[in-house]
N, C-alpha and C. Protein backbone atom coordinates (compact mmCIF):
# COMPACT_ATOMS: atom_id res chain seq x y z
N MET A 1 14.29 -19.45 -46.60
CA MET A 1 14.83 -18.11 -46.44
C MET A 1 16.03 -17.95 -47.36
N ALA A 2 15.99 -16.98 -48.20
CA ALA A 2 17.08 -16.73 -49.15
C ALA A 2 18.23 -16.03 -48.44
N HIS A 3 19.45 -16.39 -48.82
CA HIS A 3 20.60 -15.71 -48.24
C HIS A 3 21.05 -14.59 -49.15
N GLU A 4 21.72 -13.63 -48.57
CA GLU A 4 22.24 -12.51 -49.35
C GLU A 4 23.70 -12.31 -49.01
N ASN A 5 24.51 -12.20 -50.05
CA ASN A 5 25.91 -11.84 -49.86
C ASN A 5 26.00 -10.34 -49.64
N LYS A 6 26.93 -9.92 -48.81
CA LYS A 6 27.14 -8.50 -48.56
C LYS A 6 28.38 -8.05 -49.33
N VAL A 7 28.18 -7.12 -50.25
CA VAL A 7 29.30 -6.60 -51.04
C VAL A 7 30.13 -5.69 -50.14
N LEU A 8 31.42 -6.00 -50.08
CA LEU A 8 32.35 -5.24 -49.25
C LEU A 8 33.07 -4.17 -50.06
N ARG A 9 33.28 -4.46 -51.32
CA ARG A 9 34.02 -3.54 -52.19
C ARG A 9 33.64 -3.84 -53.63
N SER A 10 33.44 -2.78 -54.40
CA SER A 10 33.16 -2.89 -55.83
C SER A 10 34.20 -2.06 -56.57
N ILE A 11 34.93 -2.71 -57.47
CA ILE A 11 36.02 -2.06 -58.19
C ILE A 11 35.62 -2.00 -59.67
N GLU A 12 35.53 -0.79 -60.20
CA GLU A 12 35.01 -0.59 -61.55
C GLU A 12 36.09 -0.06 -62.48
N THR A 13 36.01 -0.46 -63.75
CA THR A 13 36.92 0.08 -64.76
C THR A 13 36.59 1.55 -64.98
N PRO A 14 37.56 2.35 -65.44
CA PRO A 14 37.30 3.78 -65.66
C PRO A 14 36.14 4.05 -66.62
N ASP A 15 35.93 3.17 -67.59
CA ASP A 15 34.84 3.39 -68.55
C ASP A 15 33.50 2.90 -68.03
N GLY A 16 33.47 2.27 -66.86
CA GLY A 16 32.23 1.80 -66.27
C GLY A 16 31.65 0.56 -66.91
N GLY A 17 32.41 -0.12 -67.72
CA GLY A 17 31.89 -1.28 -68.43
C GLY A 17 32.05 -2.60 -67.69
N ARG A 18 32.97 -2.64 -66.73
CA ARG A 18 33.21 -3.87 -65.97
C ARG A 18 33.44 -3.54 -64.51
N CYS A 19 33.15 -4.50 -63.66
CA CYS A 19 33.46 -4.34 -62.24
C CYS A 19 33.69 -5.70 -61.60
N VAL A 20 34.33 -5.65 -60.46
CA VAL A 20 34.51 -6.83 -59.62
C VAL A 20 33.95 -6.49 -58.25
N ASP A 21 33.10 -7.36 -57.75
CA ASP A 21 32.59 -7.22 -56.40
C ASP A 21 33.28 -8.24 -55.50
N LEU A 22 33.76 -7.77 -54.36
CA LEU A 22 34.26 -8.64 -53.29
C LEU A 22 33.15 -8.70 -52.26
N PHE A 23 32.82 -9.89 -51.79
CA PHE A 23 31.68 -10.03 -50.89
C PHE A 23 31.95 -11.04 -49.80
N VAL A 24 31.13 -10.95 -48.76
CA VAL A 24 31.12 -11.93 -47.67
C VAL A 24 29.76 -12.60 -47.68
N ARG A 25 29.79 -13.91 -47.51
CA ARG A 25 28.56 -14.69 -47.46
C ARG A 25 28.04 -14.76 -46.03
N PRO A 26 26.78 -15.13 -45.86
CA PRO A 26 26.23 -15.27 -44.50
C PRO A 26 27.01 -16.27 -43.64
N ASP A 27 27.69 -17.24 -44.26
CA ASP A 27 28.45 -18.22 -43.49
C ASP A 27 29.85 -17.73 -43.10
N GLY A 28 30.20 -16.49 -43.50
CA GLY A 28 31.48 -15.90 -43.12
C GLY A 28 32.60 -16.13 -44.12
N THR A 29 32.34 -16.86 -45.20
CA THR A 29 33.35 -17.01 -46.23
C THR A 29 33.27 -15.85 -47.21
N PHE A 30 34.32 -15.67 -47.98
CA PHE A 30 34.43 -14.54 -48.89
C PHE A 30 34.49 -15.03 -50.32
N GLY A 31 34.17 -14.13 -51.24
CA GLY A 31 34.23 -14.47 -52.65
C GLY A 31 34.31 -13.22 -53.50
N PHE A 32 34.34 -13.44 -54.81
CA PHE A 32 34.34 -12.33 -55.76
C PHE A 32 33.63 -12.75 -57.03
N GLU A 33 33.19 -11.76 -57.78
CA GLU A 33 32.58 -11.99 -59.09
C GLU A 33 32.90 -10.81 -60.00
N GLU A 34 33.05 -11.12 -61.27
CA GLU A 34 33.27 -10.09 -62.30
C GLU A 34 31.96 -9.88 -63.06
N TYR A 35 31.67 -8.62 -63.35
CA TYR A 35 30.45 -8.25 -64.06
C TYR A 35 30.77 -7.31 -65.22
N ARG A 36 29.86 -7.25 -66.16
CA ARG A 36 29.94 -6.26 -67.23
C ARG A 36 28.56 -5.66 -67.43
N ARG A 37 28.57 -4.47 -68.01
CA ARG A 37 27.31 -3.86 -68.42
C ARG A 37 27.55 -3.14 -69.72
N ASP A 38 26.52 -3.09 -70.53
CA ASP A 38 26.58 -2.40 -71.81
C ASP A 38 25.76 -1.12 -71.69
N SER A 39 26.36 -0.01 -72.10
CA SER A 39 25.68 1.27 -71.94
C SER A 39 24.36 1.33 -72.70
N GLU A 40 24.26 0.60 -73.81
CA GLU A 40 23.02 0.64 -74.59
C GLU A 40 21.95 -0.31 -74.04
N ASP A 41 22.32 -1.12 -73.05
CA ASP A 41 21.39 -2.07 -72.46
C ASP A 41 21.08 -1.62 -71.03
N GLY A 42 19.89 -1.20 -70.77
CA GLY A 42 19.52 -0.66 -69.48
C GLY A 42 19.22 -1.70 -68.40
N ARG A 43 19.51 -2.97 -68.66
CA ARG A 43 19.19 -4.01 -67.68
C ARG A 43 20.21 -4.12 -66.56
N GLY A 44 21.35 -3.45 -66.65
CA GLY A 44 22.30 -3.46 -65.55
C GLY A 44 23.47 -4.39 -65.74
N TRP A 45 23.99 -4.87 -64.63
CA TRP A 45 25.20 -5.69 -64.61
C TRP A 45 24.88 -7.17 -64.85
N PHE A 46 25.81 -7.84 -65.58
CA PHE A 46 25.70 -9.26 -65.86
C PHE A 46 26.97 -9.97 -65.40
N PRO A 47 26.85 -11.08 -64.66
CA PRO A 47 28.06 -11.81 -64.26
C PRO A 47 28.71 -12.43 -65.49
N ILE A 48 30.02 -12.31 -65.57
CA ILE A 48 30.73 -12.89 -66.71
C ILE A 48 31.88 -13.79 -66.28
N GLY A 49 32.26 -13.74 -65.03
CA GLY A 49 33.40 -14.53 -64.58
C GLY A 49 33.02 -15.88 -64.02
N PHE A 50 31.82 -15.98 -63.46
CA PHE A 50 31.33 -17.20 -62.83
C PHE A 50 32.31 -17.71 -61.77
N HIS A 51 32.79 -16.76 -60.96
CA HIS A 51 33.70 -17.06 -59.85
C HIS A 51 32.97 -17.09 -58.50
N ASP A 52 31.70 -16.79 -58.49
CA ASP A 52 30.98 -16.55 -57.24
C ASP A 52 30.89 -17.76 -56.31
N GLU A 53 31.13 -18.96 -56.80
CA GLU A 53 31.08 -20.16 -55.95
C GLU A 53 32.41 -20.44 -55.26
N ARG A 54 33.47 -19.79 -55.69
CA ARG A 54 34.78 -20.00 -55.07
C ARG A 54 34.77 -19.38 -53.68
N THR A 55 35.37 -20.05 -52.71
CA THR A 55 35.35 -19.55 -51.35
C THR A 55 36.75 -19.28 -50.83
N PHE A 56 36.85 -18.26 -50.00
CA PHE A 56 38.12 -17.82 -49.43
C PHE A 56 37.91 -17.52 -47.95
N GLU A 57 38.98 -17.62 -47.20
CA GLU A 57 38.92 -17.40 -45.75
C GLU A 57 38.88 -15.93 -45.37
N SER A 58 39.36 -15.05 -46.28
CA SER A 58 39.40 -13.62 -45.95
C SER A 58 39.14 -12.79 -47.20
N GLU A 59 38.81 -11.53 -46.96
CA GLU A 59 38.64 -10.60 -48.08
C GLU A 59 39.96 -10.44 -48.82
N ALA A 60 41.06 -10.39 -48.09
CA ALA A 60 42.38 -10.25 -48.73
C ALA A 60 42.68 -11.43 -49.65
N ASP A 61 42.33 -12.63 -49.22
CA ASP A 61 42.55 -13.82 -50.06
C ASP A 61 41.69 -13.75 -51.33
N ALA A 62 40.44 -13.31 -51.18
CA ALA A 62 39.56 -13.19 -52.35
C ALA A 62 40.10 -12.15 -53.32
N LEU A 63 40.57 -11.02 -52.79
CA LEU A 63 41.13 -9.98 -53.65
C LEU A 63 42.39 -10.47 -54.36
N GLU A 64 43.24 -11.15 -53.64
CA GLU A 64 44.47 -11.68 -54.24
C GLU A 64 44.16 -12.61 -55.41
N GLN A 65 43.19 -13.49 -55.23
CA GLN A 65 42.83 -14.40 -56.31
C GLN A 65 42.12 -13.68 -57.45
N ALA A 66 41.32 -12.68 -57.14
CA ALA A 66 40.66 -11.89 -58.18
C ALA A 66 41.70 -11.19 -59.04
N VAL A 67 42.72 -10.60 -58.42
CA VAL A 67 43.78 -9.93 -59.17
C VAL A 67 44.52 -10.93 -60.06
N ALA A 68 44.76 -12.13 -59.55
CA ALA A 68 45.46 -13.15 -60.31
C ALA A 68 44.62 -13.70 -61.47
N THR A 69 43.30 -13.59 -61.35
CA THR A 69 42.38 -14.20 -62.31
C THR A 69 41.86 -13.22 -63.36
N ILE A 70 41.60 -11.99 -62.96
CA ILE A 70 40.93 -11.02 -63.83
C ILE A 70 41.96 -10.07 -64.41
N GLU A 71 42.12 -10.13 -65.71
CA GLU A 71 43.21 -9.47 -66.43
C GLU A 71 43.35 -7.98 -66.14
N TRP A 72 42.28 -7.25 -66.08
CA TRP A 72 42.34 -5.79 -65.99
C TRP A 72 42.41 -5.27 -64.55
N LEU A 73 42.18 -6.11 -63.57
CA LEU A 73 41.98 -5.65 -62.20
C LEU A 73 43.22 -5.01 -61.59
N ALA A 74 44.38 -5.59 -61.78
CA ALA A 74 45.62 -5.04 -61.18
C ALA A 74 45.87 -3.62 -61.67
N ALA A 75 45.67 -3.38 -62.95
CA ALA A 75 45.91 -2.04 -63.51
C ALA A 75 44.96 -1.01 -62.90
N VAL A 76 43.72 -1.38 -62.69
CA VAL A 76 42.74 -0.45 -62.09
C VAL A 76 43.12 -0.17 -60.64
N LEU A 77 43.53 -1.18 -59.92
CA LEU A 77 43.93 -0.98 -58.51
C LEU A 77 45.19 -0.13 -58.40
N ASP A 78 46.09 -0.24 -59.36
CA ASP A 78 47.33 0.53 -59.35
C ASP A 78 47.15 1.98 -59.73
N SER A 79 46.03 2.29 -60.37
CA SER A 79 45.83 3.69 -60.82
C SER A 79 45.24 4.56 -59.76
């Protein structure tokens, strides 16, 4: 049986080229991943951060580490 993470929040850049998903795993731990998409490529989002294996005890902890790790995220959240 395959497990599925549940996305709790998706934060996207104004130009729509990048996003960060905060998610909860079936085991109750939290994580995040950074994605990008190219407008000329219709295949959708591609993971680029490779952070999805990192685990956190709370959504707030995952967000805090995402902000510390992903250069553009703080500016998007502040706007």
